[in-house]
Amino acid sequence: MKRSDFNRLCSAVLAGEEKFVENLETHETGKVLACRDERLEVLCEGARRSWAMANSEETMGSRYGHKEQTLDTHPWDTDRFNPYR
């Protein structure tokens, strides 16, 4: 993640917005709880984890205002940009 994207994401989280990121090494997705130095504090599968800024990328879901996906929900079911909806 670029520094500018990291700063924008952290500002949004500080303002109370829900943001989700993906760890590019493990491909896990979690909700951002806080930002510290160049690390993200993330809630992933019920556990609190710390991911490096360089290994993280904001997910499409949070960028477009989606909630965390559940197993019974396909991303297109909530995607307002879905051309087939």
N, C-alpha and C. Protein backbone atom coordinates (compact mmCIF):
# COMPACT_ATOMS: atom_id res chain seq x y z
N MET A 1 0.85 -1.17 0.00
CA MET A 1 0.00 0.00 0.00
C MET A 1 0.90 1.23 0.00
N LYS A 2 0.53 2.20 -0.79
CA LYS A 2 1.29 3.44 -0.83
C LYS A 2 1.05 4.24 0.44
N ARG A 3 1.99 5.10 0.77
CA ARG A 3 1.88 5.95 1.96
C ARG A 3 0.62 6.82 1.90
N SER A 4 0.32 7.38 0.73
CA SER A 4 -0.87 8.24 0.60
C SER A 4 -2.16 7.45 0.85
N ASP A 5 -2.22 6.20 0.36
CA ASP A 5 -3.39 5.36 0.61
C ASP A 5 -3.49 4.99 2.09
N PHE A 6 -2.33 4.72 2.70
CA PHE A 6 -2.28 4.40 4.13
C PHE A 6 -2.80 5.58 4.96
N ASN A 7 -2.35 6.78 4.64
CA ASN A 7 -2.80 7.97 5.38
C ASN A 7 -4.29 8.21 5.21
N ARG A 8 -4.80 8.02 3.98
CA ARG A 8 -6.24 8.20 3.73
C ARG A 8 -7.05 7.16 4.50
N LEU A 9 -6.59 5.91 4.48
CA LEU A 9 -7.28 4.84 5.19
C LEU A 9 -7.29 5.09 6.69
N CYS A 10 -6.15 5.49 7.24
CA CYS A 10 -6.06 5.75 8.68
C CYS A 10 -6.92 6.94 9.09
N SER A 11 -6.99 7.96 8.26
CA SER A 11 -7.84 9.12 8.56
C SER A 11 -9.31 8.71 8.59
N ALA A 12 -9.70 7.85 7.66
CA ALA A 12 -11.09 7.38 7.62
C ALA A 12 -11.42 6.54 8.84
N VAL A 13 -10.49 5.67 9.24
CA VAL A 13 -10.71 4.83 10.43
C VAL A 13 -10.80 5.71 11.68
N LEU A 14 -9.94 6.71 11.76
CA LEU A 14 -9.96 7.63 12.89
C LEU A 14 -11.28 8.40 12.96
N ALA A 15 -11.88 8.65 11.80
CA ALA A 15 -13.17 9.36 11.73
C ALA A 15 -14.35 8.44 12.01
N GLY A 16 -14.08 7.14 12.21
CA GLY A 16 -15.14 6.21 12.58
C GLY A 16 -15.68 5.35 11.45
N GLU A 17 -15.09 5.43 10.27
CA GLU A 17 -15.54 4.61 9.15
C GLU A 17 -15.00 3.19 9.28
N GLU A 18 -15.79 2.21 8.81
CA GLU A 18 -15.33 0.83 8.78
C GLU A 18 -14.53 0.62 7.51
N LYS A 19 -13.31 0.12 7.65
CA LYS A 19 -12.45 -0.16 6.51
C LYS A 19 -11.90 -1.57 6.64
N PHE A 20 -11.76 -2.23 5.50
CA PHE A 20 -11.27 -3.60 5.47
C PHE A 20 -10.06 -3.68 4.57
N VAL A 21 -9.09 -4.50 4.95
CA VAL A 21 -7.87 -4.68 4.17
C VAL A 21 -7.60 -6.17 3.97
N GLU A 22 -6.81 -6.45 2.95
CA GLU A 22 -6.36 -7.81 2.68
C GLU A 22 -4.86 -7.87 2.87
N ASN A 23 -4.41 -8.92 3.54
CA ASN A 23 -2.98 -9.17 3.67
C ASN A 23 -2.53 -9.84 2.38
N LEU A 24 -1.60 -9.23 1.66
CA LEU A 24 -1.18 -9.73 0.36
C LEU A 24 -0.34 -11.00 0.43
N GLU A 25 0.18 -11.33 1.60
CA GLU A 25 0.96 -12.56 1.77
C GLU A 25 0.06 -13.75 2.11
N THR A 26 -0.87 -13.54 3.04
CA THR A 26 -1.72 -14.64 3.50
C THR A 26 -3.10 -14.65 2.86
N HIS A 27 -3.47 -13.55 2.21
CA HIS A 27 -4.78 -13.37 1.58
C HIS A 27 -5.93 -13.40 2.58
N GLU A 28 -5.63 -13.07 3.82
CA GLU A 28 -6.68 -12.92 4.83
C GLU A 28 -7.24 -11.51 4.73
N THR A 29 -8.50 -11.36 5.11
CA THR A 29 -9.15 -10.06 5.11
C THR A 29 -9.59 -9.74 6.53
N GLY A 30 -9.42 -8.48 6.91
CA GLY A 30 -9.84 -8.09 8.25
C GLY A 30 -10.23 -6.63 8.32
N LYS A 31 -10.89 -6.29 9.42
CA LYS A 31 -11.35 -4.93 9.67
C LYS A 31 -10.24 -4.14 10.35
N VAL A 32 -9.96 -2.95 9.86
CA VAL A 32 -8.91 -2.10 10.43
C VAL A 32 -9.42 -1.49 11.73
N LEU A 33 -8.66 -1.68 12.80
CA LEU A 33 -9.01 -1.13 14.11
C LEU A 33 -8.22 0.14 14.41
N ALA A 34 -6.95 0.16 14.01
CA ALA A 34 -6.08 1.30 14.31
C ALA A 34 -4.85 1.27 13.40
N CYS A 35 -4.15 2.39 13.37
CA CYS A 35 -2.91 2.51 12.61
C CYS A 35 -1.80 2.94 13.58
N ARG A 36 -0.65 2.29 13.47
CA ARG A 36 0.49 2.62 14.30
C ARG A 36 1.74 2.59 13.43
N ASP A 37 2.47 3.70 13.40
CA ASP A 37 3.67 3.81 12.58
C ASP A 37 3.34 3.39 11.14
N GLU A 38 3.94 2.32 10.67
CA GLU A 38 3.64 1.82 9.32
C GLU A 38 2.96 0.46 9.39
N ARG A 39 2.13 0.27 10.43
CA ARG A 39 1.43 -1.00 10.63
C ARG A 39 -0.06 -0.74 10.84
N LEU A 40 -0.85 -1.73 10.48
CA LEU A 40 -2.29 -1.69 10.68
C LEU A 40 -2.67 -2.72 11.74
N GLU A 41 -3.47 -2.30 12.71
CA GLU A 41 -4.03 -3.23 13.68
C GLU A 41 -5.35 -3.70 13.08
N VAL A 42 -5.48 -5.03 12.88
CA VAL A 42 -6.59 -5.59 12.14
C VAL A 42 -7.29 -6.67 12.96
N LEU A 43 -8.62 -6.70 12.89
CA LEU A 43 -9.40 -7.78 13.49
C LEU A 43 -9.69 -8.79 12.38
N CYS A 44 -9.10 -9.97 12.50
CA CYS A 44 -9.21 -11.00 11.46
C CYS A 44 -9.57 -12.32 12.12
N GLU A 45 -10.71 -12.88 11.75
CA GLU A 45 -11.17 -14.16 12.29
C GLU A 45 -11.21 -14.15 13.80
N GLY A 46 -11.65 -13.05 14.37
CA GLY A 46 -11.80 -12.94 15.82
C GLY A 46 -10.53 -12.64 16.59
N ALA A 47 -9.40 -12.54 15.91
CA ALA A 47 -8.13 -12.26 16.58
C ALA A 47 -7.57 -10.92 16.11
N ARG A 48 -6.91 -10.24 17.01
CA ARG A 48 -6.28 -8.96 16.68
C ARG A 48 -4.89 -9.22 16.13
N ARG A 49 -4.59 -8.66 14.94
CA ARG A 49 -3.30 -8.89 14.30
C ARG A 49 -2.70 -7.56 13.87
N SER A 50 -1.40 -7.57 13.65
CA SER A 50 -0.68 -6.38 13.20
C SER A 50 -0.07 -6.70 11.84
N TRP A 51 -0.48 -5.94 10.81
CA TRP A 51 0.02 -6.16 9.46
C TRP A 51 0.82 -4.96 8.99
N ALA A 52 1.89 -5.21 8.28
CA ALA A 52 2.72 -4.14 7.72
C ALA A 52 1.98 -3.43 6.60
N MET A 53 2.17 -2.13 6.51
CA MET A 53 1.55 -1.33 5.46
C MET A 53 1.90 -1.90 4.08
N ALA A 54 3.16 -2.31 3.88
CA ALA A 54 3.62 -2.80 2.58
C ALA A 54 2.96 -4.10 2.17
N ASN A 55 2.46 -4.88 3.15
CA ASN A 55 1.84 -6.18 2.86
C ASN A 55 0.32 -6.11 2.85
N SER A 56 -0.26 -4.91 2.88
CA SER A 56 -1.71 -4.76 2.98
C SER A 56 -2.25 -3.94 1.83
N GLU A 57 -3.51 -4.23 1.49
CA GLU A 57 -4.19 -3.47 0.45
C GLU A 57 -5.66 -3.35 0.85
N GLU A 58 -6.23 -2.17 0.67
CA GLU A 58 -7.64 -1.97 0.99
C GLU A 58 -8.48 -2.85 0.07
N THR A 59 -9.52 -3.49 0.63
CA THR A 59 -10.37 -4.34 -0.18
C THR A 59 -11.38 -3.51 -0.93
N MET A 60 -11.89 -4.04 -2.00
CA MET A 60 -12.91 -3.36 -2.80
C MET A 60 -14.15 -3.10 -1.96
N GLY A 61 -14.48 -4.02 -1.07
CA GLY A 61 -15.68 -3.88 -0.26
C GLY A 61 -15.72 -2.59 0.52
N SER A 62 -14.65 -2.26 1.24
CA SER A 62 -14.66 -1.04 2.04
C SER A 62 -14.53 0.19 1.17
N ARG A 63 -13.86 0.07 0.04
CA ARG A 63 -13.69 1.22 -0.83
C ARG A 63 -15.03 1.68 -1.41
N TYR A 64 -15.97 0.74 -1.60
CA TYR A 64 -17.27 1.08 -2.16
C TYR A 64 -18.39 1.05 -1.12
N GLY A 65 -18.02 1.02 0.15
CA GLY A 65 -19.02 1.11 1.21
C GLY A 65 -19.72 -0.19 1.56
N HIS A 66 -19.13 -1.34 1.23
CA HIS A 66 -19.74 -2.62 1.56
C HIS A 66 -19.40 -3.02 2.99
N LYS A 67 -20.22 -3.90 3.52
CA LYS A 67 -19.92 -4.50 4.81
C LYS A 67 -19.11 -5.77 4.56
N GLU A 68 -18.57 -6.34 5.62
CA GLU A 68 -17.78 -7.56 5.49
C GLU A 68 -18.66 -8.66 4.90
N GLN A 69 -18.14 -9.37 3.91
CA GLN A 69 -18.90 -10.42 3.24
C GLN A 69 -19.05 -11.63 4.15
N THR A 70 -20.20 -12.29 4.07
CA THR A 70 -20.41 -13.54 4.79
C THR A 70 -20.32 -14.68 3.79
N LEU A 71 -20.28 -15.90 4.29
CA LEU A 71 -20.13 -17.05 3.41
C LEU A 71 -21.32 -17.23 2.48
N ASP A 72 -22.51 -16.80 2.90
CA ASP A 72 -23.69 -17.00 2.08
C ASP A 72 -24.00 -15.79 1.18
N THR A 73 -23.10 -14.84 1.10
CA THR A 73 -23.30 -13.65 0.28
C THR A 73 -22.23 -13.57 -0.79
N HIS A 74 -22.65 -13.51 -2.01
CA HIS A 74 -21.72 -13.31 -3.13
C HIS A 74 -21.44 -11.82 -3.24
N PRO A 75 -20.21 -11.41 -3.56
CA PRO A 75 -19.90 -9.98 -3.65
C PRO A 75 -20.83 -9.22 -4.58
N TRP A 76 -21.30 -9.85 -5.65
CA TRP A 76 -22.18 -9.14 -6.58
C TRP A 76 -23.55 -8.87 -5.98
N ASP A 77 -23.93 -9.61 -4.93
CA ASP A 77 -25.23 -9.37 -4.30
C ASP A 77 -25.30 -8.00 -3.66
N THR A 78 -24.15 -7.45 -3.28
CA THR A 78 -24.12 -6.15 -2.62
C THR A 78 -23.39 -5.10 -3.44
N ASP A 79 -22.96 -5.47 -4.63
CA ASP A 79 -22.15 -4.57 -5.45
C ASP A 79 -23.03 -3.65 -6.28
N ARG A 80 -23.02 -2.37 -5.97
CA ARG A 80 -23.88 -1.43 -6.69
C ARG A 80 -23.39 -1.17 -8.11
N PHE A 81 -22.19 -1.63 -8.43
CA PHE A 81 -21.65 -1.45 -9.77
C PHE A 81 -21.79 -2.72 -10.63
N ASN A 82 -22.51 -3.71 -10.14
CA ASN A 82 -22.69 -4.96 -10.86
C ASN A 82 -23.56 -4.71 -12.10
N PRO A 83 -23.04 -4.95 -13.30
CA PRO A 83 -23.83 -4.70 -14.50
C PRO A 83 -24.96 -5.71 -14.71
N TYR A 84 -24.92 -6.84 -14.00
CA TYR A 84 -25.92 -7.89 -14.19
C TYR A 84 -27.01 -7.86 -13.13
N ARG A 85 -27.00 -6.89 -12.28
CA ARG A 85 -27.96 -6.81 -11.18
C ARG A 85 -29.25 -6.22 -11.62
